[in-house]
Amino acid sequence: MRILLFFVSIAILLTSCWDLRTGTDIEGFAPGTWRGVFKLEDQRVPVMYEIKNSNNDKPIEFIFKTERQDIAADSAIILGDTLFAYFGATNTYLKIIHQVDQMDGFLYDNAGAEYPIAFAGIYGIQHRFPDVRKTPKANLTGEWKITATIEKDSTLEGTLRISTDGKNKATASLKFPTYPQVIYLEGTVQASKIHLSGFDGKTVCWISANIDSAKKLTQGNLKLNNKGYFWEAVSNAGISTQ
């Protein structure tokens, strides 16, 4: 009888172990909204992204998000504890060591001297920037002519289109004649400061400036990957041109 009970106990134990092993594995990372930060030489650039299908047999989706544009990786695969997200059109990729709710890695492009760029992500944070609510000094909605200083006697002109919600939230698009595509940005306007950030699959972009008035931004800081520029802008802000 004791022998029979012994074997019954062993059978129950093995069955329990099998149930644990074949249950829903916590593999990959948490699906849903993540807040990421690209770490440039002297600036941290926040972004929002979404991960889908991280715990099943469907293709993983890795998507950087703004209100006006989603940038999805062409492919994303997991090898052990490492995620590879490839942006084929721009020849860049993220290589990330992941846990369930955090990531650390780098953005690579073997053809670019400004790479690699460090990257980190935290799961579940819903705000790109802290949810601060200081009344903006001016309404910045409108089209801005931006002049960036490249070298001592050389400048680059572009167009920055800003849209605000009348409070602290801002979206924008940035276009330079020498850059092949528009970069879409999101950010915040707090008192006399504006901060915007974005990522288009190749270029990490940061913009900040002082709000001098509804028609002028000064002491601007522009980052395109690890290249930095000072800039100013003038506008008919306050009158939407979009």
Protein backbone atom coordinates (compact mmCIF):
# COMPACT_ATOMS: atom_id res chain seq x y z
CA MET A 1 0.00 0.00 0.00
CA ARG A 2 2.83 2.40 0.88
CA ILE A 3 4.50 1.61 -2.43
CA LEU A 4 1.26 2.35 -4.28
CA LEU A 5 0.87 5.68 -2.47
CA PHE A 6 4.49 6.52 -3.26
CA PHE A 7 3.97 6.04 -6.99
CA VAL A 8 0.68 7.95 -6.91
CA SER A 9 2.48 10.87 -5.22
CA ILE A 10 5.23 10.81 -7.84
CA ALA A 11 2.64 10.80 -10.62
CA ILE A 12 0.85 13.82 -9.11
CA LEU A 13 4.16 15.68 -8.75
CA LEU A 14 5.17 15.00 -12.35
CA THR A 15 1.74 16.07 -13.60
CA SER A 16 2.01 19.34 -11.66
CA CYS A 17 5.47 20.02 -13.08
CA TRP A 18 4.19 19.33 -16.59
CA ASP A 19 1.28 21.76 -16.07
CA LEU A 20 3.68 24.47 -14.93
CA ARG A 21 6.02 23.89 -17.84
CA THR A 22 3.32 23.91 -20.49
CA GLY A 23 1.39 26.90 -19.14
CA THR A 24 1.66 30.45 -20.49
CA ASP A 25 5.38 31.21 -20.45
CA ILE A 26 6.55 34.67 -19.49
CA GLU A 27 8.85 35.08 -22.45
CA GLY A 28 9.90 38.15 -24.34
CA PHE A 29 8.51 41.27 -22.73
CA ALA A 30 5.26 42.91 -21.78
CA PRO A 31 3.01 43.85 -24.72
CA GLY A 32 1.60 47.36 -24.83
CA THR A 33 2.93 50.88 -24.35
CA TRP A 34 6.57 51.58 -23.50
CA ARG A 35 8.51 54.78 -22.91
CA GLY A 36 11.96 54.76 -24.44
CA VAL A 37 14.93 57.08 -24.13
CA PHE A 38 17.68 57.53 -26.69
CA LYS A 39 20.83 58.68 -24.94
CA LEU A 40 22.79 61.13 -27.06
CA GLU A 41 26.13 62.53 -25.97
CA ASP A 42 24.60 65.36 -23.94
CA GLN A 43 20.85 64.90 -24.26
CA ARG A 44 18.25 62.26 -23.42
CA VAL A 45 15.50 62.02 -26.02
CA PRO A 46 12.18 60.42 -24.92
CA VAL A 47 10.00 58.44 -27.32
CA MET A 48 6.87 56.31 -27.05
CA TYR A 49 6.58 52.88 -28.62
CA GLU A 50 4.29 49.88 -28.66
CA ILE A 51 5.01 46.16 -28.72
CA LYS A 52 2.50 43.61 -29.99
CA ASN A 53 2.53 39.80 -30.10
CA SER A 54 5.53 39.39 -27.79
CA ASN A 55 4.27 36.22 -26.13
CA ASN A 56 2.81 34.14 -28.96
CA ASP A 57 3.65 32.70 -32.34
CA LYS A 58 2.61 35.75 -34.39
CA PRO A 59 5.27 38.10 -35.80
CA ILE A 60 6.41 40.65 -33.22
CA GLU A 61 5.44 44.25 -33.96
CA PHE A 62 7.71 47.05 -32.69
CA ILE A 63 6.22 50.49 -33.40
CA PHE A 64 7.44 54.00 -32.53
CA LYS A 65 4.36 56.19 -32.24
CA THR A 66 3.30 59.80 -32.64
CA GLU A 67 -0.17 61.18 -33.29
CA ARG A 68 0.67 61.83 -36.94
CA GLN A 69 2.91 58.89 -37.83
CA ASP A 70 3.81 55.37 -36.75
CA ILE A 71 7.29 54.01 -37.53
CA ALA A 72 7.17 50.22 -37.44
CA ALA A 73 10.18 47.93 -37.62
CA ASP A 74 10.16 45.89 -40.84
CA SER A 75 10.97 42.85 -38.75
CA ALA A 76 11.59 42.07 -35.09
CA ILE A 77 12.96 38.81 -33.72
CA ILE A 78 13.97 37.46 -30.31
CA LEU A 79 17.10 35.36 -29.89
CA GLY A 80 17.46 34.35 -26.25
CA ASP A 81 17.38 37.53 -24.18
CA THR A 82 18.11 39.77 -27.17
CA LEU A 83 15.62 41.59 -29.39
CA PHE A 84 16.60 42.71 -32.89
CA ALA A 85 14.32 45.30 -34.55
CA TYR A 86 15.23 46.12 -38.15
CA PHE A 87 14.24 49.30 -40.00
CA GLY A 88 15.06 48.16 -43.52
CA ALA A 89 14.29 51.37 -45.39
CA THR A 90 16.89 53.26 -43.35
CA ASN A 91 19.41 50.44 -42.86
CA THR A 92 19.30 50.78 -39.08
CA TYR A 93 18.49 48.31 -36.33
CA LEU A 94 18.01 48.14 -32.58
CA LYS A 95 19.80 45.44 -30.61
CA ILE A 96 18.27 45.24 -27.14
CA ILE A 97 18.79 43.07 -24.09
CA HIS A 98 15.34 42.70 -22.59
CA GLN A 99 13.53 41.68 -19.45
CA VAL A 100 9.77 41.56 -19.01
CA ASP A 101 9.40 45.28 -18.28
CA GLN A 102 12.67 46.95 -19.25
CA MET A 103 15.16 47.10 -22.11
CA ASP A 104 18.70 48.29 -22.68
CA GLY A 105 20.60 48.37 -25.94
CA PHE A 106 21.79 50.40 -28.91
CA LEU A 107 20.65 51.76 -32.26
CA TYR A 108 23.10 50.75 -34.99
CA ASP A 109 23.86 51.83 -38.54
CA ASN A 110 27.19 50.55 -39.79
CA ALA A 111 27.35 53.32 -42.39
CA GLY A 112 26.92 56.18 -39.91
CA ALA A 113 29.68 57.71 -37.83
CA GLU A 114 27.16 59.02 -35.26
CA TYR A 115 26.16 55.50 -34.22
CA PRO A 116 25.75 53.49 -32.04
CA ILE A 117 23.22 55.39 -29.92
CA ALA A 118 22.30 54.02 -26.49
CA PHE A 119 18.64 53.16 -25.89
CA ALA A 120 16.60 52.15 -22.84
CA GLY A 121 12.92 51.37 -22.37
CA ILE A 122 10.52 51.07 -19.43
CA TYR A 123 7.12 49.41 -19.69
CA GLY A 124 3.86 51.08 -18.78
CA ILE A 125 4.84 54.77 -18.61
CA GLN A 126 2.20 56.70 -20.57
CA HIS A 127 3.83 60.14 -20.82
CA ARG A 128 6.66 61.11 -23.15
CA PHE A 129 7.39 64.12 -20.93
CA PRO A 130 6.43 64.68 -17.27
CA ASP A 131 2.81 65.76 -16.85
CA VAL A 132 3.60 69.32 -15.77
CA ARG A 133 1.07 72.08 -16.45
CA LYS A 134 2.73 75.49 -16.49
CA THR A 135 0.78 78.04 -18.53
CA PRO A 136 2.55 78.63 -21.87
CA LYS A 137 3.91 82.10 -22.47
CA ALA A 138 2.45 82.17 -26.00
CA ASN A 139 0.40 80.23 -28.52
CA LEU A 140 2.97 78.61 -30.82
CA THR A 141 0.59 77.04 -33.34
CA GLY A 142 1.74 77.92 -36.83
CA GLU A 143 4.54 77.62 -39.35
CA TRP A 144 8.03 78.60 -38.23
CA LYS A 145 11.07 79.40 -40.32
CA ILE A 146 13.97 77.82 -38.48
CA THR A 147 17.59 78.87 -39.04
CA ALA A 148 20.18 76.47 -37.63
CA THR A 149 23.86 77.30 -37.31
CA ILE A 150 25.94 74.50 -38.83
CA GLU A 151 29.34 76.12 -38.57
CA LYS A 152 30.59 79.57 -37.67
CA ASP A 153 29.60 81.13 -41.00
CA SER A 154 27.17 78.51 -42.30
CA THR A 155 23.44 78.13 -41.65
CA LEU A 156 20.68 75.76 -42.65
CA GLU A 157 17.07 76.86 -43.07
CA GLY A 158 14.07 74.63 -42.56
CA THR A 159 10.39 74.58 -41.67
CA LEU A 160 8.97 73.71 -38.26
CA ARG A 161 5.17 73.38 -38.12
CA ILE A 162 3.82 73.39 -34.58
CA SER A 163 0.33 72.58 -33.37
CA THR A 164 -0.74 72.91 -29.73
CA ASP A 165 -3.90 71.98 -27.85
CA GLY A 166 -4.11 75.42 -26.25
CA LYS A 167 -2.56 74.00 -23.11
CA ASN A 168 0.74 72.14 -22.76
CA LYS A 169 0.66 69.48 -25.44
CA ALA A 170 2.46 70.09 -28.74
CA THR A 171 2.97 68.18 -31.97
CA ALA A 172 5.24 69.27 -34.78
CA SER A 173 6.86 68.39 -38.08
CA LEU A 174 10.41 69.35 -39.06
CA LYS A 175 11.67 69.55 -42.63
CA PHE A 176 15.06 70.53 -44.01
CA PRO A 177 15.77 70.70 -47.77
CA THR A 178 18.84 68.51 -47.31
CA TYR A 179 16.99 65.79 -45.37
CA PRO A 180 14.92 63.30 -47.38
CA GLN A 181 11.81 63.16 -45.18
CA VAL A 182 9.74 64.97 -42.59
CA ILE A 183 10.45 64.16 -38.94
CA TYR A 184 7.31 64.09 -36.78
CA LEU A 185 7.68 65.21 -33.18
CA GLU A 186 5.69 65.41 -29.98
CA GLY A 187 6.36 67.36 -26.85
CA THR A 188 5.39 69.91 -24.29
CA VAL A 189 5.18 73.68 -23.87
CA GLN A 190 5.86 74.81 -20.32
CA ALA A 191 5.91 78.52 -19.42
CA SER A 192 8.68 79.97 -21.64
CA LYS A 193 10.12 76.64 -22.88
CA ILE A 194 9.25 74.18 -25.64
CA HIS A 195 10.61 70.63 -25.85
CA LEU A 196 9.98 68.22 -28.75
CA SER A 197 11.30 64.76 -29.56
CA GLY A 198 10.97 62.11 -32.24
CA PHE A 199 12.49 59.18 -34.12
CA ASP A 200 11.91 58.29 -37.78
CA GLY A 201 13.67 54.93 -37.89
CA LYS A 202 17.06 56.47 -38.61
CA THR A 203 17.34 59.86 -36.95
CA VAL A 204 16.82 60.64 -33.27
CA CYS A 205 15.61 64.24 -33.08
CA TRP A 206 15.47 66.66 -30.16
CA ILE A 207 14.30 70.28 -30.29
CA SER A 208 14.14 72.77 -27.46
CA ALA A 209 14.02 76.56 -27.30
CA ASN A 210 13.09 79.57 -25.25
CA ILE A 211 9.80 81.26 -26.13
CA ASP A 212 10.64 84.91 -26.67
CA SER A 213 7.17 85.74 -27.99
CA ALA A 214 4.39 84.33 -30.17
CA LYS A 215 6.56 85.16 -33.17
CA LYS A 216 10.07 84.29 -32.04
CA LEU A 217 11.92 81.31 -30.54
CA THR A 218 15.48 81.80 -29.33
CA GLN A 219 18.43 79.88 -27.85
CA GLY A 220 17.29 76.76 -29.64
CA ASN A 221 19.00 73.39 -29.28
CA LEU A 222 18.61 70.92 -32.17
CA LYS A 223 19.96 67.37 -32.09
CA LEU A 224 19.95 65.06 -35.09
CA ASN A 225 21.51 61.91 -33.69
CA ASN A 226 24.76 63.09 -32.12
CA LYS A 227 25.05 66.18 -34.30
CA GLY A 228 24.07 69.35 -32.51
CA TYR A 229 23.04 72.79 -33.78
CA PHE A 230 21.96 76.11 -32.32
CA TRP A 231 18.90 77.67 -33.90
CA GLU A 232 16.33 80.44 -33.83
CA ALA A 233 12.94 80.70 -35.50
CA VAL A 234 10.40 83.33 -36.53
CA SER A 235 6.74 82.78 -37.30
CA ASN A 236 3.19 83.97 -37.63
CA ALA A 237 2.47 81.70 -34.65
CA GLY A 238 -0.95 82.01 -33.16
CA ILE A 239 -2.48 81.87 -36.64
CA SER A 240 -2.79 78.27 -37.76
CA THR A 241 -1.53 77.61 -41.30
CA GLN A 242 -2.29 73.88 -41.29
